Amino acid sequence: MPVVPRLNQGPTPGCGGMNGTCSTGAFAPEAAPHPGPLPEEEGEKCPWRVSCVQRWAVGGGRIFASSDRPTTLAAMFLIPAIDLRGGRVVRLVKGDYGQQTTYGEDPVEQARQFEQAGARWLHVVDLDGARSGNMEHLEVIGRICKATGLKVEVGGGVRGEGAIDRLLGAGVERVILGTAALKQWDWFERLMGNPTYRDRLVLGLDARDGKLAVSGWESTTDTEAVEVARRVTDWPLAAIIYTDIATDGTLAGPNVAATAAMVEATTVPVVASGGVGTIEHLHGLRKLPLQGIIVGKALYEGAFTIDQALVAVEG
């Protein structure tokens, strides 16, 4: 079960979220300056999205400050997904290893096809690694990075700095930490102080009915995903990937409400994952200030093409 410190609640001095107070209620010391002018009119929203980006995340006796930049995202991007199991391209239903569909024998060729169709990013999950706690597909991932110009993000089985370094050394753009971060919170927090990892680490929050799941989704905890998102506000993370397990692999539609709550809870950019089955689902998510949308099964099942998805998400 993850050991995640609770976020101290209270007003944020100097934040112009709404009428001079932080819209998320995260704690901040008196010294935290607002990065821009406060709203002039009472009730006017802060132009810095959720709240001022100089808010501080406090925990474990350490303080992290974000850079003085707005958190408004320049553009949203589509992220096609490749899930690896036994060297093959597969998809599970709701994270159930007993409900697997195999879509290909050559992950590198699949990545090339995504790139040729216009994708710029690729989401890769080592399903075997997520279950065992050890990366099982590093060699395949390295070949994907060498064979394409895609920006690749990888999760599954990343349990220590050695694994992070091996993935970055193989050409991966950013590394997703889920189980390791949640179970070893002090270690995860210390990583934020390493400049090598700044904007190269992604926090994976996978939730079942709002509660976080770990170890390949085979264990559900009592920790609320939104609480952890608040806890890491303004940490130097590349993103939070939020996956709604109940919709993942079903094509039945994403949990838009839960995704919106995640976006509202943090200034860290959020990537949505799980449930997309139609272009209309993409249009619905496009209304949220997301960094990106991960799509997997819908592409493999031919619900729409990469071209159609790119137009829907990236315009």
C-alpha atoms as a PDB file:
ATOM      1  CA  MET A   1       0.000   0.000   0.000  1.00  0.00           C
ATOM      2  CA  PRO A   2       1.417   3.417  -0.894  1.00  0.00           C
ATOM      3  CA  VAL A   3       2.618   5.675   1.858  1.00  0.00           C
ATOM      4  CA  VAL A   4       1.812   9.179   0.639  1.00  0.00           C
ATOM      5  CA  PRO A   5       1.898  12.137   3.029  1.00  0.00           C
ATOM      6  CA  ARG A   6      -1.322  14.092   3.161  1.00  0.00           C
ATOM      7  CA  LEU A   7      -1.268  17.600   1.784  1.00  0.00           C
ATOM      8  CA  ASN A   8      -1.622  20.289   4.441  1.00  0.00           C
ATOM      9  CA  GLN A   9      -4.725  22.328   3.697  1.00  0.00           C
ATOM     10  CA  GLY A  10      -5.052  26.057   4.197  1.00  0.00           C
ATOM     11  CA  PRO A  11      -5.036  29.381   2.372  1.00  0.00           C
ATOM     12  CA  THR A  12      -2.273  30.316   0.002  1.00  0.00           C
ATOM     13  CA  PRO A  13      -0.997  33.826   0.776  1.00  0.00           C
ATOM     14  CA  GLY A  14      -0.532  35.965  -2.294  1.00  0.00           C
ATOM     15  CA  CYS A  15      -2.156  33.583  -4.768  1.00  0.00           C
ATOM     16  CA  GLY A  16      -4.702  35.057  -7.132  1.00  0.00           C
ATOM     17  CA  GLY A  17      -6.700  31.913  -7.824  1.00  0.00           C
ATOM     18  CA  MET A  18     -10.050  33.532  -7.028  1.00  0.00           C
ATOM     19  CA  ASN A  19     -10.436  36.783  -5.123  1.00  0.00           C
ATOM     20  CA  GLY A  20      -6.857  36.531  -3.862  1.00  0.00           C
ATOM     21  CA  THR A  21      -7.008  32.944  -2.571  1.00  0.00           C
ATOM     22  CA  CYS A  22      -5.710  29.703  -4.012  1.00  0.00           C
ATOM     23  CA  SER A  23      -8.428  27.757  -5.817  1.00  0.00           C
ATOM     24  CA  THR A  24      -7.001  24.429  -4.661  1.00  0.00           C
ATOM     25  CA  GLY A  25      -6.331  25.437  -1.052  1.00  0.00           C
ATOM     26  CA  ALA A  26      -2.763  24.104  -1.024  1.00  0.00           C
ATOM     27  CA  PHE A  27      -0.458  25.309   1.741  1.00  0.00           C
ATOM     28  CA  ALA A  28       2.233  27.848   0.913  1.00  0.00           C
ATOM     29  CA  PRO A  29       4.654  29.859   3.054  1.00  0.00           C
ATOM     30  CA  GLU A  30       4.293  33.606   3.373  1.00  0.00           C
ATOM     31  CA  ALA A  31       7.384  34.158   1.239  1.00  0.00           C
ATOM     32  CA  ALA A  32       5.875  32.643  -1.916  1.00  0.00           C
ATOM     33  CA  PRO A  33       5.429  35.495  -4.428  1.00  0.00           C
ATOM     34  CA  HIS A  34       2.730  35.625  -7.062  1.00  0.00           C
ATOM     35  CA  PRO A  35       4.289  35.398 -10.547  1.00  0.00           C
ATOM     36  CA  GLY A  36       2.029  38.012 -12.106  1.00  0.00           C
ATOM     37  CA  PRO A  37      -0.431  40.757 -11.260  1.00  0.00           C
ATOM     38  CA  LEU A  38      -3.337  39.870  -9.014  1.00  0.00           C
ATOM     39  CA  PRO A  39      -6.834  40.241 -10.486  1.00  0.00           C
ATOM     40  CA  GLU A  40      -8.046  43.828 -10.181  1.00  0.00           C
ATOM     41  CA  GLU A  41     -11.717  43.037  -9.762  1.00  0.00           C
ATOM     42  CA  GLU A  42     -13.175  41.007  -6.910  1.00  0.00           C
ATOM     43  CA  GLY A  43     -14.055  37.504  -8.104  1.00  0.00           C
ATOM     44  CA  GLU A  44     -11.907  37.759 -11.226  1.00  0.00           C
ATOM     45  CA  LYS A  45     -10.026  34.541 -11.916  1.00  0.00           C
ATOM     46  CA  CYS A  46      -6.258  34.406 -11.874  1.00  0.00           C
ATOM     47  CA  PRO A  47      -4.878  34.270 -15.453  1.00  0.00           C
ATOM     48  CA  TRP A  48      -2.345  31.640 -14.345  1.00  0.00           C
ATOM     49  CA  ARG A  49      -4.844  28.760 -14.869  1.00  0.00           C
ATOM     50  CA  VAL A  50      -5.578  27.067 -11.525  1.00  0.00           C
ATOM     51  CA  SER A  51      -3.527  29.228  -9.180  1.00  0.00           C
ATOM     52  CA  CYS A  52      -0.209  31.003  -9.064  1.00  0.00           C
ATOM     53  CA  VAL A  53       2.634  28.793 -10.230  1.00  0.00           C
ATOM     54  CA  GLN A  54       4.925  29.941  -7.468  1.00  0.00           C
ATOM     55  CA  ARG A  55       2.905  27.962  -4.911  1.00  0.00           C
ATOM     56  CA  TRP A  56       5.031  25.636  -2.853  1.00  0.00           C
ATOM     57  CA  ALA A  57       4.631  21.925  -2.239  1.00  0.00           C
ATOM     58  CA  VAL A  58       5.821  21.214   1.292  1.00  0.00           C
ATOM     59  CA  GLY A  59       6.577  17.773   2.647  1.00  0.00           C
ATOM     60  CA  GLY A  60       9.176  15.667   4.369  1.00  0.00           C
ATOM     61  CA  GLY A  61      11.013  18.749   5.589  1.00  0.00           C
ATOM     62  CA  ARG A  62      11.809  19.845   2.022  1.00  0.00           C
ATOM     63  CA  ILE A  63      10.362  22.632  -0.110  1.00  0.00           C
ATOM     64  CA  PHE A  64      10.137  22.715  -3.897  1.00  0.00           C
ATOM     65  CA  ALA A  65       9.342  25.840  -5.896  1.00  0.00           C
ATOM     66  CA  SER A  66       8.203  25.791  -9.482  1.00  0.00           C
ATOM     67  CA  SER A  67       9.623  28.013 -12.186  1.00  0.00           C
ATOM     68  CA  ASP A  68       8.013  31.370 -12.809  1.00  0.00           C
ATOM     69  CA  ARG A  69       6.107  30.325 -15.887  1.00  0.00           C
ATOM     70  CA  PRO A  70       2.391  30.044 -16.555  1.00  0.00           C
ATOM     71  CA  THR A  71       0.969  26.533 -16.630  1.00  0.00           C
ATOM     72  CA  THR A  72      -1.262  27.197 -19.652  1.00  0.00           C
ATOM     73  CA  LEU A  73      -0.393  24.563 -22.232  1.00  0.00           C
ATOM     74  CA  ALA A  74       0.662  25.663 -25.694  1.00  0.00           C
ATOM     75  CA  ALA A  75      -0.880  22.656 -27.447  1.00  0.00           C
ATOM     76  CA  MET A  76      -2.414  19.278 -26.754  1.00  0.00           C
ATOM     77  CA  PHE A  77      -1.026  16.181 -28.409  1.00  0.00           C
ATOM     78  CA  LEU A  78      -2.220  12.704 -29.290  1.00  0.00           C
ATOM     79  CA  ILE A  79      -0.230   9.812 -27.807  1.00  0.00           C
ATOM     80  CA  PRO A  80      -0.794   6.406 -29.411  1.00  0.00           C
ATOM     81  CA  ALA A  81      -0.044   3.499 -27.092  1.00  0.00           C
ATOM     82  CA  ILE A  82       1.867   0.248 -27.345  1.00  0.00           C
ATOM     83  CA  ASP A  83       1.464  -2.197 -24.465  1.00  0.00           C
ATOM     84  CA  LEU A  84       4.116  -4.914 -24.410  1.00  0.00           C
ATOM     85  CA  ARG A  85       3.677  -8.439 -23.105  1.00  0.00           C
ATOM     86  CA  GLY A  86       5.924 -11.285 -24.118  1.00  0.00           C
ATOM     87  CA  GLY A  87       7.447  -9.060 -26.800  1.00  0.00           C
ATOM     88  CA  ARG A  88       4.087  -8.572 -28.509  1.00  0.00           C
ATOM     89  CA  VAL A  89       1.761  -5.626 -28.953  1.00  0.00           C
ATOM     90  CA  VAL A  90      -1.285  -6.311 -26.791  1.00  0.00           C
ATOM     91  CA  ARG A  91      -4.187  -4.631 -25.009  1.00  0.00           C
ATOM     92  CA  LEU A  92      -5.894  -5.617 -21.780  1.00  0.00           C
ATOM     93  CA  VAL A  93      -9.446  -4.860 -20.671  1.00  0.00           C
ATOM     94  CA  LYS A  94      -9.611  -2.890 -17.414  1.00  0.00           C
ATOM     95  CA  GLY A  95      -6.066  -4.006 -16.632  1.00  0.00           C
ATOM     96  CA  ASP A  96      -7.096  -7.662 -16.461  1.00  0.00           C
ATOM     97  CA  TYR A  97      -4.191  -9.881 -17.576  1.00  0.00           C
ATOM     98  CA  GLY A  98      -6.746 -12.592 -18.292  1.00  0.00           C
ATOM     99  CA  GLN A  99      -8.452 -10.436 -20.917  1.00  0.00           C
ATOM    100  CA  GLN A 100      -5.726  -9.887 -23.473  1.00  0.00           C
ATOM    101  CA  THR A 101      -5.951  -9.229 -27.194  1.00  0.00           C
ATOM    102  CA  THR A 102      -2.767  -9.479 -29.256  1.00  0.00           C
ATOM    103  CA  TYR A 103      -2.514  -6.952 -32.096  1.00  0.00           C
ATOM    104  CA  GLY A 104       0.978  -7.526 -33.412  1.00  0.00           C
ATOM    105  CA  GLU A 105       4.245  -9.409 -33.162  1.00  0.00           C
ATOM    106  CA  ASP A 106       6.553  -6.488 -33.994  1.00  0.00           C
ATOM    107  CA  PRO A 107       6.395  -3.462 -31.662  1.00  0.00           C
ATOM    108  CA  VAL A 108       9.082  -1.601 -33.630  1.00  0.00           C
ATOM    109  CA  GLU A 109       7.104  -1.846 -36.853  1.00  0.00           C
ATOM    110  CA  GLN A 110       3.971  -0.717 -35.031  1.00  0.00           C
ATOM    111  CA  ALA A 111       5.834   2.338 -33.746  1.00  0.00           C
ATOM    112  CA  ARG A 112       7.034   3.107 -37.272  1.00  0.00           C
ATOM    113  CA  GLN A 113       3.460   2.957 -38.537  1.00  0.00           C
ATOM    114  CA  PHE A 114       2.314   5.408 -35.892  1.00  0.00           C
ATOM    115  CA  GLU A 115       5.131   7.784 -36.827  1.00  0.00           C
ATOM    116  CA  GLN A 116       4.446   7.503 -40.561  1.00  0.00           C
ATOM    117  CA  ALA A 117       0.811   8.360 -39.873  1.00  0.00           C
ATOM    118  CA  GLY A 118       1.873  11.623 -38.236  1.00  0.00           C
ATOM    119  CA  ALA A 119       2.206  10.845 -34.525  1.00  0.00           C
ATOM    120  CA  ARG A 120       4.972  12.637 -32.627  1.00  0.00           C
ATOM    121  CA  TRP A 121       4.680  10.860 -29.284  1.00  0.00           C
ATOM    122  CA  LEU A 122       4.419   7.224 -28.195  1.00  0.00           C
ATOM    123  CA  HIS A 123       3.234   5.762 -24.895  1.00  0.00           C
ATOM    124  CA  VAL A 124       4.804   2.383 -24.066  1.00  0.00           C
ATOM    125  CA  VAL A 125       3.871   0.167 -21.125  1.00  0.00           C
ATOM    126  CA  ASP A 126       5.881  -2.891 -20.142  1.00  0.00           C
ATOM    127  CA  LEU A 127       3.030  -5.025 -18.801  1.00  0.00           C
ATOM    128  CA  ASP A 128       5.339  -7.844 -17.773  1.00  0.00           C
ATOM    129  CA  GLY A 129       7.521  -5.352 -15.942  1.00  0.00           C
ATOM    130  CA  ALA A 130       4.573  -3.731 -14.200  1.00  0.00           C
ATOM    131  CA  ARG A 131       3.624  -7.116 -12.803  1.00  0.00           C
ATOM    132  CA  SER A 132       7.098  -8.400 -11.913  1.00  0.00           C
ATOM    133  CA  GLY A 133       8.683  -5.153 -10.772  1.00  0.00           C
ATOM    134  CA  ASN A 134      11.553  -5.493 -13.255  1.00  0.00           C
ATOM    135  CA  MET A 135      11.800  -4.060 -16.764  1.00  0.00           C
ATOM    136  CA  GLU A 136      11.321  -6.892 -19.222  1.00  0.00           C
ATOM    137  CA  HIS A 137      11.368  -5.023 -22.548  1.00  0.00           C
ATOM    138  CA  LEU A 138      14.298  -2.602 -22.370  1.00  0.00           C
ATOM    139  CA  GLU A 139      15.891  -4.010 -25.535  1.00  0.00           C
ATOM    140  CA  VAL A 140      12.665  -3.618 -27.541  1.00  0.00           C
ATOM    141  CA  ILE A 141      12.139  -0.096 -26.213  1.00  0.00           C
ATOM    142  CA  GLY A 142      15.676   0.837 -27.211  1.00  0.00           C
ATOM    143  CA  ARG A 143      15.054  -0.417 -30.737  1.00  0.00           C
ATOM    144  CA  ILE A 144      11.865   1.657 -30.979  1.00  0.00           C
ATOM    145  CA  CYS A 145      13.782   4.767 -29.985  1.00  0.00           C
ATOM    146  CA  LYS A 146      16.522   4.085 -32.527  1.00  0.00           C
ATOM    147  CA  ALA A 147      14.155   3.188 -35.368  1.00  0.00           C
ATOM    148  CA  THR A 148      11.888   6.237 -35.027  1.00  0.00           C
ATOM    149  CA  GLY A 149      11.995   9.911 -34.210  1.00  0.00           C
ATOM    150  CA  LEU A 150       9.092   9.591 -31.809  1.00  0.00           C
ATOM    151  CA  LYS A 151       9.226  11.055 -28.337  1.00  0.00           C
ATOM    152  CA  VAL A 152       8.726   7.922 -26.255  1.00  0.00           C
ATOM    153  CA  GLU A 153       7.438   7.751 -22.708  1.00  0.00           C
ATOM    154  CA  VAL A 154       7.723   4.440 -20.869  1.00  0.00           C
ATOM    155  CA  GLY A 155       6.245   2.922 -17.745  1.00  0.00           C
ATOM    156  CA  GLY A 156       6.018  -0.495 -16.150  1.00  0.00           C
ATOM    157  CA  GLY A 157       8.599  -2.116 -13.910  1.00  0.00           C
ATOM    158  CA  VAL A 158      10.533   1.077 -13.195  1.00  0.00           C
ATOM    159  CA  ARG A 159      11.430   0.636  -9.533  1.00  0.00           C
ATOM    160  CA  GLY A 160      14.697   2.535  -9.065  1.00  0.00           C
ATOM    161  CA  GLU A 161      17.105   5.138 -10.404  1.00  0.00           C
ATOM    162  CA  GLY A 162      19.056   2.485 -12.272  1.00  0.00           C
ATOM    163  CA  ALA A 163      15.981   1.647 -14.339  1.00  0.00           C
ATOM    164  CA  ILE A 164      15.281   5.334 -14.961  1.00  0.00           C
ATOM    165  CA  ASP A 165      18.847   5.909 -16.154  1.00  0.00           C
ATOM    166  CA  ARG A 166      18.795   2.875 -18.428  1.00  0.00           C
ATOM    167  CA  LEU A 167      15.601   4.053 -20.100  1.00  0.00           C
ATOM    168  CA  LEU A 168      16.848   7.604 -20.572  1.00  0.00           C
ATOM    169  CA  GLY A 169      20.119   6.191 -21.889  1.00  0.00           C
ATOM    170  CA  ALA A 170      18.171   4.110 -24.401  1.00  0.00           C
ATOM    171  CA  GLY A 171      16.639   7.267 -25.849  1.00  0.00           C
ATOM    172  CA  VAL A 172      13.384   7.484 -23.930  1.00  0.00           C
ATOM    173  CA  GLU A 173      12.071  11.044 -23.615  1.00  0.00           C
ATOM    174  CA  ARG A 174      10.426  10.594 -20.229  1.00  0.00           C
ATOM    175  CA  VAL A 175       9.902   7.846 -17.674  1.00  0.00           C
ATOM    176  CA  ILE A 176       6.636   7.037 -15.916  1.00  0.00           C
ATOM    177  CA  LEU A 177       6.734   6.187 -12.220  1.00  0.00           C
ATOM    178  CA  GLY A 178       3.693   4.700 -10.576  1.00  0.00           C
ATOM    179  CA  THR A 179       4.051   1.899  -8.035  1.00  0.00           C
ATOM    180  CA  ALA A 180       7.614   2.842  -7.063  1.00  0.00           C
ATOM    181  CA  ALA A 181       6.698   6.472  -6.456  1.00  0.00           C
ATOM    182  CA  LEU A 182       3.659   5.664  -4.371  1.00  0.00           C
ATOM    183  CA  LYS A 183       5.263   2.938  -2.290  1.00  0.00           C
ATOM    184  CA  GLN A 184       8.567   4.795  -1.795  1.00  0.00           C
ATOM    185  CA  TRP A 185       7.387   8.358  -1.453  1.00  0.00           C
ATOM    186  CA  ASP A 186      10.520   9.703   0.255  1.00  0.00           C
ATOM    187  CA  TRP A 187      12.645   8.292  -2.570  1.00  0.00           C
ATOM    188  CA  PHE A 188      10.327   9.772  -5.185  1.00  0.00           C
ATOM    189  CA  GLU A 189      10.458  13.142  -3.462  1.00  0.00           C
ATOM    190  CA  ARG A 190      14.265  13.088  -3.442  1.00  0.00           C
ATOM    191  CA  LEU A 191      14.293  12.541  -7.202  1.00  0.00           C
ATOM    192  CA  MET A 192      12.750  15.979  -7.616  1.00  0.00           C
ATOM    193  CA  GLY A 193      15.994  17.514  -6.383  1.00  0.00           C
ATOM    194  CA  ASN A 194      18.036  15.841  -9.145  1.00  0.00           C
ATOM    195  CA  PRO A 195      18.359  18.266 -12.094  1.00  0.00           C
ATOM    196  CA  THR A 196      18.919  15.334 -14.452  1.00  0.00           C
ATOM    197  CA  TYR A 197      15.327  14.255 -13.944  1.00  0.00           C
ATOM    198  CA  ARG A 198      13.692  17.668 -14.170  1.00  0.00           C
ATOM    199  CA  ASP A 199      10.762  17.445 -16.626  1.00  0.00           C
ATOM    200  CA  ARG A 200      11.831  13.876 -17.508  1.00  0.00           C
ATOM    201  CA  LEU A 201       9.673  12.044 -14.968  1.00  0.00           C
ATOM    202  CA  VAL A 202       5.942  11.419 -15.174  1.00  0.00           C
ATOM    203  CA  LEU A 203       3.751  10.369 -12.275  1.00  0.00           C
ATOM    204  CA  GLY A 204       1.317   7.639 -13.269  1.00  0.00           C
ATOM    205  CA  LEU A 205      -1.909   7.755 -11.266  1.00  0.00           C
ATOM    206  CA  ASP A 206      -4.098   4.779 -12.113  1.00  0.00           C
ATOM    207  CA  ALA A 207      -7.413   4.762 -10.272  1.00  0.00           C
ATOM    208  CA  ARG A 208     -10.299   2.403  -9.708  1.00  0.00           C
ATOM    209  CA  ASP A 209     -13.338   4.305  -8.372  1.00  0.00           C
ATOM    210  CA  GLY A 210     -11.005   7.170  -7.530  1.00  0.00           C
ATOM    211  CA  LYS A 211      -8.628   4.995  -5.463  1.00  0.00           C
ATOM    212  CA  LEU A 212      -5.095   4.350  -6.639  1.00  0.00           C
ATOM    213  CA  ALA A 213      -4.074   0.910  -7.888  1.00  0.00           C
ATOM    214  CA  VAL A 214      -0.484  -0.369  -7.948  1.00  0.00           C
ATOM    215  CA  SER A 215       1.591  -3.389  -9.008  1.00  0.00           C
ATOM    216  CA  GLY A 216       0.145  -3.747 -12.484  1.00  0.00           C
ATOM    217  CA  TRP A 217      -3.288  -2.677 -11.159  1.00  0.00           C
ATOM    218  CA  GLU A 218      -3.561  -5.909  -9.225  1.00  0.00           C
ATOM    219  CA  SER A 219      -3.704  -4.134  -5.850  1.00  0.00           C
ATOM    220  CA  THR A 220      -6.059  -1.262  -5.000  1.00  0.00           C
ATOM    221  CA  THR A 221      -5.250   1.134  -2.166  1.00  0.00           C
ATOM    222  CA  ASP A 222      -7.239   3.501   0.030  1.00  0.00           C
ATOM    223  CA  THR A 223      -5.437   6.568  -1.325  1.00  0.00           C
ATOM    224  CA  GLU A 224      -7.383   9.027  -3.486  1.00  0.00           C
ATOM    225  CA  ALA A 225      -5.725   9.849  -6.797  1.00  0.00           C
ATOM    226  CA  VAL A 226      -6.777  13.495  -6.575  1.00  0.00           C
ATOM    227  CA  GLU A 227      -5.114  13.824  -3.164  1.00  0.00           C
ATOM    228  CA  VAL A 228      -1.780  12.734  -4.587  1.00  0.00           C
ATOM    229  CA  ALA A 229      -2.176  15.101  -7.553  1.00  0.00           C
ATOM    230  CA  ARG A 230      -2.596  17.966  -5.101  1.00  0.00           C
ATOM    231  CA  ARG A 231       0.434  16.758  -3.167  1.00  0.00           C
ATOM    232  CA  VAL A 232       2.757  17.125  -6.167  1.00  0.00           C
ATOM    233  CA  THR A 233       1.494  20.484  -7.361  1.00  0.00           C
ATOM    234  CA  ASP A 234       4.383  22.500  -8.791  1.00  0.00           C
ATOM    235  CA  TRP A 235       6.897  19.679  -8.523  1.00  0.00           C
ATOM    236  CA  PRO A 236       9.207  19.580 -11.587  1.00  0.00           C
ATOM    237  CA  LEU A 237       7.330  16.700 -13.199  1.00  0.00           C
ATOM    238  CA  ALA A 238       6.825  16.433 -16.946  1.00  0.00           C
ATOM    239  CA  ALA A 239       3.216  15.352 -16.444  1.00  0.00           C
ATOM    240  CA  ILE A 240       0.695  13.269 -14.557  1.00  0.00           C
ATOM    241  CA  ILE A 241      -0.877  10.470 -16.553  1.00  0.00           C
ATOM    242  CA  TYR A 242      -4.325   9.758 -15.159  1.00  0.00           C
ATOM    243  CA  THR A 243      -5.845   6.416 -16.095  1.00  0.00           C
ATOM    244  CA  ASP A 244      -9.381   5.442 -15.188  1.00  0.00           C
ATOM    245  CA  ILE A 245      -9.064   1.665 -14.909  1.00  0.00           C
ATOM    246  CA  ALA A 246     -12.811   0.997 -15.159  1.00  0.00           C
ATOM    247  CA  THR A 247     -12.881   2.412 -18.690  1.00  0.00           C
ATOM    248  CA  ASP A 248      -9.432   1.353 -19.926  1.00  0.00           C
ATOM    249  CA  GLY A 249      -9.636  -0.953 -22.921  1.00  0.00           C
ATOM    250  CA  THR A 250     -13.452  -0.825 -23.056  1.00  0.00           C
ATOM    251  CA  LEU A 251     -13.941   1.837 -25.782  1.00  0.00           C
ATOM    252  CA  ALA A 252     -16.979   2.913 -23.741  1.00  0.00           C
ATOM    253  CA  GLY A 253     -15.804   6.466 -23.200  1.00  0.00           C
ATOM    254  CA  PRO A 254     -13.407   8.222 -20.831  1.00  0.00           C
ATOM    255  CA  ASN A 255     -14.281   9.335 -17.327  1.00  0.00           C
ATOM    256  CA  VAL A 256     -14.378  13.025 -18.190  1.00  0.00           C
ATOM    257  CA  ALA A 257     -15.547  14.144 -14.749  1.00  0.00           C
ATOM    258  CA  ALA A 258     -12.710  12.362 -12.928  1.00  0.00           C
ATOM    259  CA  THR A 259     -10.188  13.663 -15.455  1.00  0.00           C
ATOM    260  CA  ALA A 260     -11.467  17.216 -15.010  1.00  0.00           C
ATOM    261  CA  ALA A 261     -11.127  16.855 -11.229  1.00  0.00           C
ATOM    262  CA  MET A 262      -7.527  15.747 -11.712  1.00  0.00           C
ATOM    263  CA  VAL A 263      -6.759  18.786 -13.874  1.00  0.00           C
ATOM    264  CA  GLU A 264      -8.340  21.104 -11.309  1.00  0.00           C
ATOM    265  CA  ALA A 265      -6.358  19.558  -8.450  1.00  0.00           C
ATOM    266  CA  THR A 266      -2.860  20.345  -9.715  1.00  0.00           C
ATOM    267  CA  THR A 267      -0.733  22.642 -11.830  1.00  0.00           C
ATOM    268  CA  VAL A 268       1.250  19.682 -13.192  1.00  0.00           C
ATOM    269  CA  PRO A 269       0.157  19.021 -16.804  1.00  0.00           C
ATOM    270  CA  VAL A 270      -2.288  16.101 -17.046  1.00  0.00           C
ATOM    271  CA  VAL A 271      -2.499  13.416 -19.737  1.00  0.00           C
ATOM    272  CA  ALA A 272      -5.774  11.493 -20.011  1.00  0.00           C
ATOM    273  CA  SER A 273      -5.847   7.738 -20.525  1.00  0.00           C
ATOM    274  CA  GLY A 274      -8.550   5.105 -20.710  1.00  0.00           C
ATOM    275  CA  GLY A 275     -11.863   4.552 -22.466  1.00  0.00           C
ATOM    276  CA  VAL A 276     -11.504   6.462 -25.736  1.00  0.00           C
ATOM    277  CA  GLY A 277     -13.509   4.667 -28.398  1.00  0.00           C
ATOM    278  CA  THR A 278     -14.825   7.339 -30.773  1.00  0.00           C
ATOM    279  CA  ILE A 279     -13.824  10.677 -32.230  1.00  0.00           C
ATOM    280  CA  GLU A 280     -16.578  12.216 -30.108  1.00  0.00           C
ATOM    281  CA  HIS A 281     -14.776  10.972 -26.999  1.00  0.00           C
ATOM    282  CA  LEU A 282     -11.686  12.854 -28.154  1.00  0.00           C
ATOM    283  CA  HIS A 283     -13.748  15.985 -28.736  1.00  0.00           C
ATOM    284  CA  GLY A 284     -15.066  15.724 -25.178  1.00  0.00           C
ATOM    285  CA  LEU A 285     -11.589  15.469 -23.680  1.00  0.00           C
ATOM    286  CA  ARG A 286     -10.346  18.228 -25.993  1.00  0.00           C
ATOM    287  CA  LYS A 287     -12.455  20.690 -23.992  1.00  0.00           C
ATOM    288  CA  LEU A 288     -10.246  20.117 -20.933  1.00  0.00           C
ATOM    289  CA  PRO A 289      -6.838  21.834 -20.528  1.00  0.00           C
ATOM    290  CA  LEU A 290      -4.915  18.594 -20.973  1.00  0.00           C
ATOM    291  CA  GLN A 291      -1.347  18.081 -22.134  1.00  0.00           C
ATOM    292  CA  GLY A 292      -2.293  15.028 -24.147  1.00  0.00           C
ATOM    293  CA  ILE A 293      -4.634  12.095 -24.708  1.00  0.00           C
ATOM    294  CA  ILE A 294      -3.457   8.483 -24.860  1.00  0.00           C
ATOM    295  CA  VAL A 295      -5.263   6.250 -27.337  1.00  0.00           C
ATOM    296  CA  GLY A 296      -4.697   2.539 -27.796  1.00  0.00           C
ATOM    297  CA  LYS A 297      -7.399  -0.004 -28.499  1.00  0.00           C
ATOM    298  CA  ALA A 298      -9.543   2.332 -30.608  1.00  0.00           C
ATOM    299  CA  LEU A 299      -6.683   2.650 -33.093  1.00  0.00           C
ATOM    300  CA  TYR A 300      -6.043  -1.085 -33.210  1.00  0.00           C
ATOM    301  CA  GLU A 301      -9.754  -1.861 -33.634  1.00  0.00           C
ATOM    302  CA  GLY A 302     -10.124   0.684 -36.449  1.00  0.00           C
ATOM    303  CA  ALA A 303     -12.619   2.899 -34.626  1.00  0.00           C
ATOM    304  CA  PHE A 304     -10.825   5.820 -36.274  1.00  0.00           C
ATOM    305  CA  THR A 305      -7.486   6.492 -37.932  1.00  0.00           C
ATOM    306  CA  ILE A 306      -4.432   8.280 -36.600  1.00  0.00           C
ATOM    307  CA  ASP A 307      -5.138  11.085 -39.081  1.00  0.00           C
ATOM    308  CA  GLN A 308      -8.659  11.556 -37.756  1.00  0.00           C
ATOM    309  CA  ALA A 309      -7.452  11.439 -34.160  1.00  0.00           C
ATOM    310  CA  LEU A 310      -4.707  13.984 -34.826  1.00  0.00           C
ATOM    311  CA  VAL A 311      -7.217  16.411 -36.323  1.00  0.00           C
ATOM    312  CA  ALA A 312      -9.563  15.932 -33.350  1.00  0.00           C
ATOM    313  CA  VAL A 313      -6.842  16.402 -30.720  1.00  0.00           C
ATOM    314  CA  GLU A 314      -4.204  18.642 -32.271  1.00  0.00           C
ATOM    315  CA  GLY A 315      -6.329  20.504 -34.811  1.00  0.00           C
END
